[in-house]
Amino acid sequence: MDARRGTELAEDLGLWINTESPVLALPADAGEKEAGQAFARALEVRGLWQRMDGPYREDLLSRFRVLDAQEFMRDPYLSAVKPAGACRAGRFLLTEVEYQRGELLQYRMPDYGAAWPKLSIGCFSGPVRTWALYENGLPWMTVCPSEISSMEKEMRHAHGRVLTLGLGLGYYPLTVAAREDVQSVTVVEREKDVIGLFTSHILPAFPQKDKLNIVQADALDYCASLRDGDFDYCFADIWMGQEDGAPLYLALRDILRPLKGMETEYWIEREIRAYLINRYEDRQEG
């Protein structure tokens, strides 16, 4: 399968899952093999299976996973955060959302290291309730497997005095604050209503809240005022995806490059770099 067809298929798969939330009809005792077969049947009904060649099908099914719902719900963040119903502040809504048993989702961010984006699709073994933040009715962030896995490396690398650009639902700063080798976590967030929802409904549930300092500011302006040695580690997560992230990523790199004493990592950096390379190649071909 050529790169163009593979990319179109990946886009259509992602759109189907993200907008329609399809649910597989699974027998009570279904394991990963049976769930994978149900996934293949659902792709066929949707008309996507017929568009795939053999290697594409094999790769997609090899990545299919049934995620343990109980294990996911034991996550320290989900165990601690218990807001009393939906909470609204300005344009933002903090609310509980549910994944049904068998509901398809992407459990990891797409892999852009191949000729086309490779999707990791799966479902939970049982119902799962988690938290989401919406802006004007559109999803801003959800505590879900793909979000968590996309920060795994950066959560392991955090140390000393940590600077976090972007608050979201606070999963990253609260997780790294629990580490013994993290001295403090400073979070820079532009939206005061997001800060208000977090400090009122999420932060009180965590014992490490004394390690956190939240600053309302524009991330680029704040970083421009930093001096080398202010922080030991920085994690930047102020974009929704590759397209809007590319210019912010480039601007932040330029601003933070002189700070040699601070290790800096960027959310979905690999994907953003792939996007920039593809855009450059498209311009060259044009």
Foldseek 3Di string as FASTA:
>chain_A
DALVLQQVLVVVVQCCQVPVQDFFDDDLPDDLVRLLVSVLVVCVVVVSNVSDDDVLSVLQSVLEHAAEQVVLCPPPQNVQFDFDAWDDDVQKIKHKDKFAARGKDFLADWDPPDSHTHTRIYGYNGMHIWMFMDGNNHTDDTPGRHVVVLCVVVLVPDAEEEEEEDQGLNPSVLSSLPDPRYQAYEYEAQDPRRVVCNVPGRLVRGPSSVRYHYHHDHPLVVLLPDDQPPGQEYEYDDDDDQPVVLVVVVSVCVSCVVNVNHHYDYGPPVRNVSVVVVVVVVVVVD
